[in-house]
Amino acid sequence: MDGFLKRAWVEIHLDRLAYNLSQLKSLTDGSTEIACVVKANAYGHDDRHVVPFLETQGIRFFAVSNIMEAKQLRDAGCKGDILILGYTPPEYASELSEHDIIQTAVSLDHAQALSQCAEKPVRVHIALDTGMGRIGILTDDIHTCISEIEQIARLENIQAEGIFTHFASADSYLEEDIKYTRKQLDSFFEIREALEKRGLTFKHYHCQNSAGATFYTTYSEKKNTLVRFGIMLYGLYPDVSLELPVSLKPVMDFKSAVSYIKTLKKGQSVSYGRTFTAHKDMTVATIPVGYADGYSRQLSNIGEVLVNGYRAKILGRICMDQTMIDITGIKGVSVGTEVTLIGTDGRETITADDLAQLYGTIGYEIICGINKRVPRIIMNDGKIVHIAEY
């Protein structure tokens, strides 16, 4: 990173992204289209560069959270289909049409309101709630469910192109969770078959997320036209306790650099609240990254970073913009020395999933939580392609 302001930065490795995509393609039979989930700024990976790169890899379908994310992709030149997975207020119906964005119809009432507000047809996928309990038409009463889907499909200015659902626990191998996921699958396909018997078909049917596509492929993939890959695309596990049938490479590295070095005398303390007191003389380095960058305060006194191929423990509370680490015995450290928060240095590796397990969250939250004030350094085959600042 010579020549770059060494405070804190994220490296996004496009070659690893391409590798992961090739691995995920092997989980499909080739006829099922891949929809890349790029919501939340491509899970913190910078959608402005991830999406165009994925388009060069043949991806033509993307999924986001809201209309702002969808419009940003269009503004960045995205030509593929874009599906909003969440709710959009009906008053934005004309903007959906204008930007050729596919909207999730979360209910019959929502679809009717979109129809009333739209001046031109709005493309929609109809969400079915088979057990997630979040959005969608409930499938418990199959007759009511089918009736509402048929009503949506007949609405003026509504172009119903698909139906989909989302799994609640496909990333678990507990017997009760496996039964629950299969119940969701059965419910979804029962609705599809009933609709087809009534002469109503759609362009797309999809229920597979990363975990579903990985662990339930043989059970249902042939009946899906789309599979939605999110977290695995970026090299993380749906559940770290489960072994995957493919290998993945984390696309993101999170780094900082030493800004200050001092000797901490025995009995002296570090940071707010004096939660760490030295039991011996130590060499301590400060790195200019903190919880305002998305490096969680919950890692205080328990997290580690990598310096010159060695693990260095976090000392005291992580501050808004700074963190202190123990570099006692680590040779060759000076101001400017690179520090790896997430990534590999020598034989040591720290993953987002590793950090998540330290304080009881998931890898998703770690990577999505890295603040936009941290520049994304877009790289391909070890070379810097672009420095994306916000």
Protein backbone atom coordinates (compact mmCIF):
# COMPACT_ATOMS: atom_id res chain seq x y z
CA MET A 1 0.00 0.00 0.00
CA ASP A 2 2.96 2.37 -0.59
CA GLY A 3 1.80 5.88 -1.31
CA PHE A 4 -1.61 5.35 0.30
CA LEU A 5 -2.62 7.11 3.50
CA LYS A 6 -2.08 4.32 6.02
CA ARG A 7 -4.93 4.65 8.48
CA ALA A 8 -7.41 1.89 7.76
CA TRP A 9 -8.51 0.33 4.51
CA VAL A 10 -10.27 -2.68 3.06
CA GLU A 11 -8.90 -4.69 0.16
CA ILE A 12 -11.45 -6.27 -2.19
CA HIS A 13 -9.92 -9.06 -4.29
CA LEU A 14 -11.84 -9.53 -7.53
CA ASP A 15 -9.88 -12.66 -8.47
CA ARG A 16 -11.15 -14.33 -5.30
CA LEU A 17 -14.67 -13.22 -6.15
CA ALA A 18 -14.36 -14.87 -9.56
CA TYR A 19 -13.04 -18.03 -7.92
CA ASN A 20 -15.97 -18.18 -5.49
CA LEU A 21 -18.45 -17.65 -8.30
CA SER A 22 -16.96 -20.56 -10.24
CA GLN A 23 -17.28 -22.73 -7.13
CA LEU A 24 -20.91 -21.73 -6.63
CA LYS A 25 -21.72 -22.45 -10.25
CA SER A 26 -20.65 -26.05 -9.61
CA LEU A 27 -23.53 -26.34 -7.13
CA THR A 28 -26.06 -25.78 -9.91
CA ASP A 29 -26.84 -27.93 -12.92
CA GLY A 30 -26.08 -25.12 -15.35
CA SER A 31 -29.70 -24.40 -16.22
CA THR A 32 -30.47 -22.48 -13.04
CA GLU A 33 -29.58 -18.80 -13.29
CA ILE A 34 -27.50 -17.28 -10.50
CA ALA A 35 -28.79 -14.16 -8.81
CA CYS A 36 -26.00 -12.40 -6.94
CA VAL A 37 -27.16 -10.70 -3.76
CA VAL A 38 -25.39 -7.34 -3.58
CA LYS A 39 -27.44 -5.54 -0.95
CA ALA A 40 -25.76 -3.47 1.78
CA ASN A 41 -23.07 -2.24 -0.61
CA ALA A 42 -22.37 -5.83 -1.72
CA TYR A 43 -22.07 -6.90 1.93
CA GLY A 44 -19.58 -4.10 2.47
CA HIS A 45 -17.48 -4.97 -0.60
CA ASP A 46 -18.36 -1.90 -2.74
CA ASP A 47 -21.21 -2.65 -5.15
CA ARG A 48 -19.98 0.01 -7.61
CA HIS A 49 -17.09 -2.27 -8.53
CA VAL A 50 -18.35 -5.71 -7.55
CA VAL A 51 -21.44 -5.57 -9.77
CA PRO A 52 -19.69 -4.51 -13.01
CA PHE A 53 -17.09 -7.20 -12.41
CA LEU A 54 -19.78 -9.84 -11.88
CA GLU A 55 -21.37 -8.74 -15.15
CA THR A 56 -18.08 -9.51 -16.90
CA GLN A 57 -18.38 -12.99 -15.37
CA GLY A 58 -21.76 -13.54 -17.02
CA ILE A 59 -24.10 -12.58 -14.16
CA ARG A 60 -27.31 -10.93 -15.34
CA PHE A 61 -29.46 -10.95 -12.19
CA PHE A 62 -28.87 -9.05 -8.96
CA ALA A 63 -30.77 -8.66 -5.69
CA VAL A 64 -30.74 -5.66 -3.37
CA SER A 65 -32.56 -4.48 -0.26
CA ASN A 66 -34.25 -1.25 -1.33
CA ILE A 67 -34.92 1.18 -4.14
CA MET A 68 -31.96 3.42 -3.27
CA GLU A 69 -29.56 0.50 -3.72
CA ALA A 70 -31.27 -0.48 -6.97
CA LYS A 71 -31.08 3.03 -8.42
CA GLN A 72 -27.41 3.29 -7.46
CA LEU A 73 -26.71 0.15 -9.47
CA ARG A 74 -28.54 1.59 -12.48
CA ASP A 75 -26.63 4.86 -12.09
CA ALA A 76 -23.41 2.83 -12.06
CA GLY A 77 -24.38 1.28 -15.40
CA CYS A 78 -25.83 -2.07 -14.34
CA LYS A 79 -27.73 -3.58 -17.29
CA GLY A 80 -29.00 -6.76 -15.65
CA ASP A 81 -32.22 -7.50 -13.81
CA ILE A 82 -32.38 -5.99 -10.32
CA LEU A 83 -34.77 -7.39 -7.73
CA ILE A 84 -35.61 -5.46 -4.57
CA LEU A 85 -36.01 -8.11 -1.87
CA GLY A 86 -37.77 -5.81 0.60
CA TYR A 87 -40.63 -3.34 0.76
CA THR A 88 -40.84 -0.21 -1.37
CA PRO A 89 -43.57 2.38 -0.64
CA PRO A 90 -46.17 2.42 -3.45
CA GLU A 91 -45.55 6.12 -4.20
CA TYR A 92 -42.25 5.06 -5.78
CA ALA A 93 -44.00 2.83 -8.33
CA SER A 94 -43.20 5.15 -11.24
CA GLU A 95 -39.52 5.17 -10.33
CA LEU A 96 -39.52 1.38 -10.30
CA SER A 97 -40.88 1.39 -13.83
CA GLU A 98 -38.60 4.17 -15.00
CA HIS A 99 -35.46 2.34 -13.88
CA ASP A 100 -36.73 -1.13 -14.88
CA ILE A 101 -36.44 -2.47 -11.33
CA ILE A 102 -38.25 -5.59 -10.16
CA GLN A 103 -40.14 -5.05 -6.92
CA THR A 104 -41.11 -7.66 -4.35
CA ALA A 105 -44.84 -7.66 -3.76
CA VAL A 106 -44.94 -8.35 -0.03
CA SER A 107 -48.74 -8.75 0.08
CA LEU A 108 -51.90 -8.37 -1.99
CA ASP A 109 -52.50 -4.94 -0.44
CA HIS A 110 -48.98 -3.86 -1.38
CA ALA A 111 -49.41 -5.02 -4.98
CA GLN A 112 -52.77 -3.26 -5.25
CA ALA A 113 -51.23 -0.02 -3.98
CA LEU A 114 -48.35 -0.31 -6.45
CA SER A 115 -50.88 -0.84 -9.24
CA GLN A 116 -52.85 2.24 -8.25
CA CYS A 117 -49.75 4.45 -8.09
CA ALA A 118 -48.05 3.15 -11.23
CA GLU A 119 -48.31 4.92 -14.57
CA LYS A 120 -46.53 2.10 -16.40
CA PRO A 121 -46.27 -1.62 -15.61
CA VAL A 122 -44.20 -2.51 -12.57
CA ARG A 123 -42.33 -5.80 -12.70
CA VAL A 124 -42.84 -7.82 -9.50
CA HIS A 125 -41.88 -11.06 -7.81
CA ILE A 126 -44.44 -12.20 -5.26
CA ALA A 127 -43.05 -13.13 -1.83
CA LEU A 128 -44.50 -16.17 -0.09
CA ASP A 129 -44.16 -16.66 3.66
CA THR A 130 -43.58 -20.38 4.06
CA GLY A 131 -42.20 -20.02 7.55
CA MET A 132 -39.72 -17.15 7.74
CA GLY A 133 -42.32 -14.93 9.36
CA ARG A 134 -40.99 -11.75 7.80
CA ILE A 135 -42.79 -10.67 4.60
CA GLY A 136 -44.95 -12.40 2.03
CA ILE A 137 -48.30 -14.04 1.53
CA LEU A 138 -48.88 -16.75 4.12
CA THR A 139 -49.01 -20.24 2.62
CA ASP A 140 -50.75 -21.89 5.59
CA ASP A 141 -54.10 -21.63 3.81
CA ILE A 142 -53.27 -22.76 0.29
CA HIS A 143 -56.60 -21.66 -1.20
CA THR A 144 -56.32 -18.11 0.16
CA CYS A 145 -52.68 -17.95 -0.92
CA ILE A 146 -53.45 -19.03 -4.48
CA SER A 147 -56.38 -16.63 -4.67
CA GLU A 148 -54.20 -13.67 -3.65
CA ILE A 149 -51.47 -14.62 -6.11
CA GLU A 150 -54.03 -14.83 -8.91
CA GLN A 151 -55.44 -11.43 -7.96
CA ILE A 152 -51.94 -9.89 -8.07
CA ALA A 153 -51.25 -11.44 -11.46
CA ARG A 154 -54.44 -9.83 -12.86
CA LEU A 155 -53.74 -6.31 -11.56
CA GLU A 156 -53.42 -3.45 -14.02
CA ASN A 157 -49.89 -2.10 -14.29
CA ILE A 158 -48.46 -5.13 -12.49
CA GLN A 159 -46.25 -7.52 -14.44
CA ALA A 160 -45.93 -10.56 -12.19
CA GLU A 161 -42.76 -12.40 -13.22
CA GLY A 162 -41.99 -14.67 -10.29
CA ILE A 163 -42.73 -16.12 -6.88
CA PHE A 164 -40.19 -16.81 -4.17
CA THR A 165 -39.68 -17.62 -0.52
CA HIS A 166 -36.85 -17.50 1.98
CA PHE A 167 -35.56 -20.18 4.36
CA ALA A 168 -35.41 -19.63 8.09
CA SER A 169 -32.88 -22.31 9.06
CA ALA A 170 -31.36 -23.92 5.98
CA ASP A 171 -27.91 -23.36 7.50
CA SER A 172 -28.54 -25.91 10.25
CA TYR A 173 -28.13 -29.68 10.33
CA LEU A 174 -30.28 -30.13 13.40
CA GLU A 175 -32.99 -32.66 12.63
CA GLU A 176 -35.79 -30.26 13.57
CA ASP A 177 -34.33 -27.55 11.31
CA ILE A 178 -33.95 -29.94 8.39
CA LYS A 179 -37.59 -30.92 8.78
CA TYR A 180 -38.59 -27.26 8.94
CA THR A 181 -36.69 -26.36 5.77
CA ARG A 182 -38.18 -29.29 3.88
CA LYS A 183 -41.61 -28.22 5.09
CA GLN A 184 -40.93 -24.77 3.63
CA LEU A 185 -39.80 -26.35 0.36
CA ASP A 186 -42.86 -28.59 0.17
CA SER A 187 -45.15 -25.66 0.83
CA PHE A 188 -43.50 -23.55 -1.88
CA PHE A 189 -43.66 -26.27 -4.53
CA GLU A 190 -47.20 -27.20 -3.56
CA ILE A 191 -48.22 -23.62 -4.31
CA ARG A 192 -46.33 -23.67 -7.60
CA GLU A 193 -47.94 -26.93 -8.74
CA ALA A 194 -51.40 -25.72 -7.76
CA LEU A 195 -50.90 -22.49 -9.72
CA GLU A 196 -49.69 -24.38 -12.78
CA LYS A 197 -52.77 -26.61 -12.67
CA ARG A 198 -54.85 -23.45 -12.83
CA GLY A 199 -52.87 -22.26 -15.84
CA LEU A 200 -50.79 -19.65 -14.04
CA THR A 201 -47.03 -19.85 -14.61
CA PHE A 202 -44.18 -17.45 -13.96
CA LYS A 203 -40.80 -16.78 -15.49
CA HIS A 204 -39.00 -17.31 -12.20
CA TYR A 205 -39.35 -19.53 -9.15
CA HIS A 206 -36.74 -19.28 -6.41
CA CYS A 207 -36.30 -20.32 -2.82
CA GLN A 208 -32.59 -21.10 -2.63
CA ASN A 209 -30.29 -18.81 -0.70
CA SER A 210 -26.61 -19.67 -0.13
CA ALA A 211 -27.35 -22.27 2.54
CA GLY A 212 -30.33 -23.71 0.70
CA ALA A 213 -28.42 -24.07 -2.54
CA THR A 214 -25.57 -25.77 -0.70
CA PHE A 215 -27.39 -28.21 1.54
CA TYR A 216 -30.66 -28.83 -0.33
CA THR A 217 -29.52 -28.85 -3.95
CA THR A 218 -30.53 -32.42 -4.79
CA TYR A 219 -33.89 -31.95 -3.12
CA SER A 220 -35.16 -28.96 -5.05
CA GLU A 221 -32.70 -27.22 -7.37
CA LYS A 222 -34.26 -28.66 -10.53
CA LYS A 223 -37.47 -26.80 -9.70
CA ASN A 224 -35.82 -23.38 -9.32
CA THR A 225 -35.11 -20.99 -12.16
CA LEU A 226 -32.97 -18.77 -9.92
CA VAL A 227 -30.63 -19.42 -7.01
CA ARG A 228 -29.72 -16.47 -4.78
CA PHE A 229 -26.10 -16.49 -3.68
CA GLY A 230 -25.16 -13.97 -1.02
CA ILE A 231 -22.71 -14.62 1.81
CA MET A 232 -20.88 -17.48 0.09
CA LEU A 233 -20.16 -15.29 -2.91
CA TYR A 234 -17.95 -13.22 -0.63
CA GLY A 235 -16.16 -16.26 0.80
CA LEU A 236 -17.92 -16.60 4.15
CA TYR A 237 -19.89 -19.53 5.54
CA PRO A 238 -23.67 -19.54 6.11
CA ASP A 239 -22.77 -21.34 9.34
CA VAL A 240 -19.14 -21.80 10.37
CA SER A 241 -19.92 -25.12 12.03
CA LEU A 242 -20.94 -26.76 8.76
CA GLU A 243 -18.49 -28.10 6.24
CA LEU A 244 -19.09 -26.84 2.71
CA PRO A 245 -18.92 -29.04 -0.41
CA VAL A 246 -16.89 -26.31 -2.16
CA SER A 247 -13.86 -24.26 -1.19
CA LEU A 248 -14.18 -20.50 -0.86
CA LYS A 249 -11.80 -17.56 -0.52
CA PRO A 250 -12.65 -14.49 1.58
CA VAL A 251 -12.89 -11.58 -0.85
CA MET A 252 -12.25 -8.92 1.80
CA ASP A 253 -9.15 -8.10 3.84
CA PHE A 254 -9.34 -5.40 6.52
CA LYS A 255 -6.08 -3.63 7.36
CA SER A 256 -4.52 -0.75 9.25
CA ALA A 257 -0.99 0.36 10.12
CA VAL A 258 1.00 1.18 13.23
CA SER A 259 0.81 4.88 14.12
CA TYR A 260 2.65 4.93 17.46
CA ILE A 261 4.86 2.67 19.59
CA LYS A 262 5.68 2.98 23.29
CA THR A 263 6.90 0.99 26.27
CA LEU A 264 4.16 0.26 28.78
CA LYS A 265 5.60 -0.13 32.26
CA LYS A 266 4.40 -2.75 34.72
CA GLY A 267 1.35 -1.40 36.55
CA GLN A 268 0.39 1.09 33.85
CA SER A 269 -3.05 0.85 32.23
CA VAL A 270 -4.42 1.22 28.70
CA SER A 271 -7.46 3.04 27.27
CA TYR A 272 -10.83 4.05 28.70
CA GLY A 273 -11.90 2.50 31.97
CA ARG A 274 -8.37 1.12 32.56
CA THR A 275 -9.63 -2.39 31.78
CA PHE A 276 -6.08 -3.58 31.05
CA THR A 277 -3.13 -3.14 33.38
CA ALA A 278 0.32 -4.40 32.45
CA HIS A 279 1.66 -7.18 34.66
CA LYS A 280 5.13 -6.62 33.19
CA ASP A 281 6.93 -4.16 30.94
CA MET A 282 5.46 -4.42 27.42
CA THR A 283 5.82 -2.92 23.96
CA VAL A 284 2.51 -1.49 22.81
CA ALA A 285 1.51 -0.19 19.39
CA THR A 286 -1.41 2.04 18.52
CA ILE A 287 -3.29 1.50 15.27
CA PRO A 288 -5.63 4.21 13.93
CA VAL A 289 -8.80 2.15 13.57
CA GLY A 290 -11.76 1.78 15.93
CA TYR A 291 -15.44 1.16 16.33
CA ALA A 292 -16.37 4.13 14.13
CA ASP A 293 -14.70 2.20 11.31
CA GLY A 294 -16.70 -0.91 12.15
CA TYR A 295 -14.04 -2.61 14.25
CA SER A 296 -16.27 -3.57 17.14
CA ARG A 297 -15.68 -2.39 20.70
CA GLN A 298 -16.70 -5.89 21.76
CA LEU A 299 -13.28 -7.11 20.62
CA SER A 300 -11.71 -5.14 23.47
CA ASN A 301 -9.23 -7.27 25.43
CA ILE A 302 -10.18 -10.45 23.55
CA GLY A 303 -9.42 -9.82 19.88
CA GLU A 304 -6.14 -10.24 18.03
CA VAL A 305 -4.56 -8.74 14.93
CA LEU A 306 -1.67 -9.89 12.76
CA VAL A 307 1.65 -8.05 12.65
CA ASN A 308 4.63 -9.34 10.65
CA GLY A 309 3.12 -12.81 10.60
CA TYR A 310 2.42 -12.98 14.35
CA ARG A 311 -0.69 -12.57 16.47
CA ALA A 312 -0.88 -9.46 18.63
CA LYS A 313 -3.52 -9.17 21.33
CA ILE A 314 -5.79 -6.14 21.68
CA LEU A 315 -5.15 -4.32 24.94
CA GLY A 316 -7.87 -2.39 26.72
CA ARG A 317 -10.99 -0.94 25.20
CA ILE A 318 -11.16 -0.24 21.49
CA CYS A 319 -11.74 3.49 20.99
CA MET A 320 -13.76 5.26 18.33
CA ASP A 321 -10.72 5.76 16.12
CA GLN A 322 -7.81 3.92 17.76
CA THR A 323 -6.85 0.50 19.11
CA MET A 324 -3.86 -0.61 21.16
CA ILE A 325 -2.08 -3.94 20.64
CA ASP A 326 0.68 -5.91 22.33
CA ILE A 327 3.71 -6.23 20.03
CA THR A 328 6.13 -7.40 22.74
CA GLY A 329 8.65 -9.75 21.11
CA ILE A 330 7.50 -9.11 17.54
CA LYS A 331 10.52 -7.95 15.56
CA GLY A 332 10.67 -5.34 12.83
CA VAL A 333 7.65 -3.29 13.88
CA SER A 334 7.80 0.45 13.28
CA VAL A 335 5.42 3.30 12.52
CA GLY A 336 3.80 2.42 9.20
CA THR A 337 4.04 -1.37 9.62
CA GLU A 338 0.96 -3.01 8.13
CA VAL A 339 -1.53 -4.62 10.51
CA THR A 340 -4.09 -7.20 9.39
CA LEU A 341 -7.45 -7.19 11.18
CA ILE A 342 -9.12 -9.59 8.75
CA GLY A 343 -7.00 -11.61 6.36
CA THR A 344 -3.77 -13.60 6.18
CA ASP A 345 -0.25 -12.63 7.18
CA GLY A 346 2.37 -15.36 6.86
CA ARG A 347 0.97 -18.57 8.30
CA GLU A 348 -1.67 -16.84 10.39
CA THR A 349 -5.23 -16.03 9.33
CA ILE A 350 -8.09 -14.15 10.97
CA THR A 351 -11.47 -14.37 9.26
CA ALA A 352 -14.64 -12.36 9.74
CA ASP A 353 -16.20 -15.56 11.05
CA ASP A 354 -13.40 -15.81 13.64
CA LEU A 355 -14.16 -12.31 14.91
CA ALA A 356 -17.88 -13.05 14.96
CA GLN A 357 -17.41 -16.06 17.20
CA LEU A 358 -15.50 -14.00 19.75
CA TYR A 359 -18.56 -12.00 20.74
CA GLY A 360 -21.52 -14.01 19.54
CA THR A 361 -22.52 -12.62 16.19
CA ILE A 362 -22.18 -13.74 12.56
CA GLY A 363 -19.68 -13.01 9.83
CA TYR A 364 -22.36 -11.15 7.87
CA GLU A 365 -22.50 -8.44 10.54
CA ILE A 366 -18.72 -8.09 10.65
CA ILE A 367 -18.24 -7.36 6.95
CA CYS A 368 -21.42 -5.31 6.55
CA GLY A 369 -20.48 -3.23 9.57
CA ILE A 370 -17.20 -1.84 8.21
CA ASN A 371 -17.94 1.85 7.84
CA LYS A 372 -17.91 3.65 4.50
CA ARG A 373 -15.24 6.02 5.79
CA VAL A 374 -12.85 3.09 5.32
CA PRO A 375 -11.68 3.20 1.66
CA ARG A 376 -12.14 0.05 -0.42
CA ILE A 377 -9.02 -0.81 -2.39
CA ILE A 378 -10.19 -2.81 -5.41
CA MET A 379 -7.58 -5.39 -6.41
CA ASN A 380 -7.24 -8.09 -9.05
CA ASP A 381 -4.43 -10.63 -9.10
CA GLY A 382 -2.50 -8.62 -6.52
CA LYS A 383 -2.68 -5.31 -8.37
CA ILE A 384 -4.64 -2.22 -7.38
CA VAL A 385 -7.43 -1.53 -9.85
CA HIS A 386 -9.12 1.37 -8.07
CA ILE A 387 -9.26 3.15 -4.71
CA ALA A 388 -12.95 3.59 -3.90
CA GLU A 389 -13.53 6.39 -1.40
CA TYR A 390 -16.95 7.67 -0.35
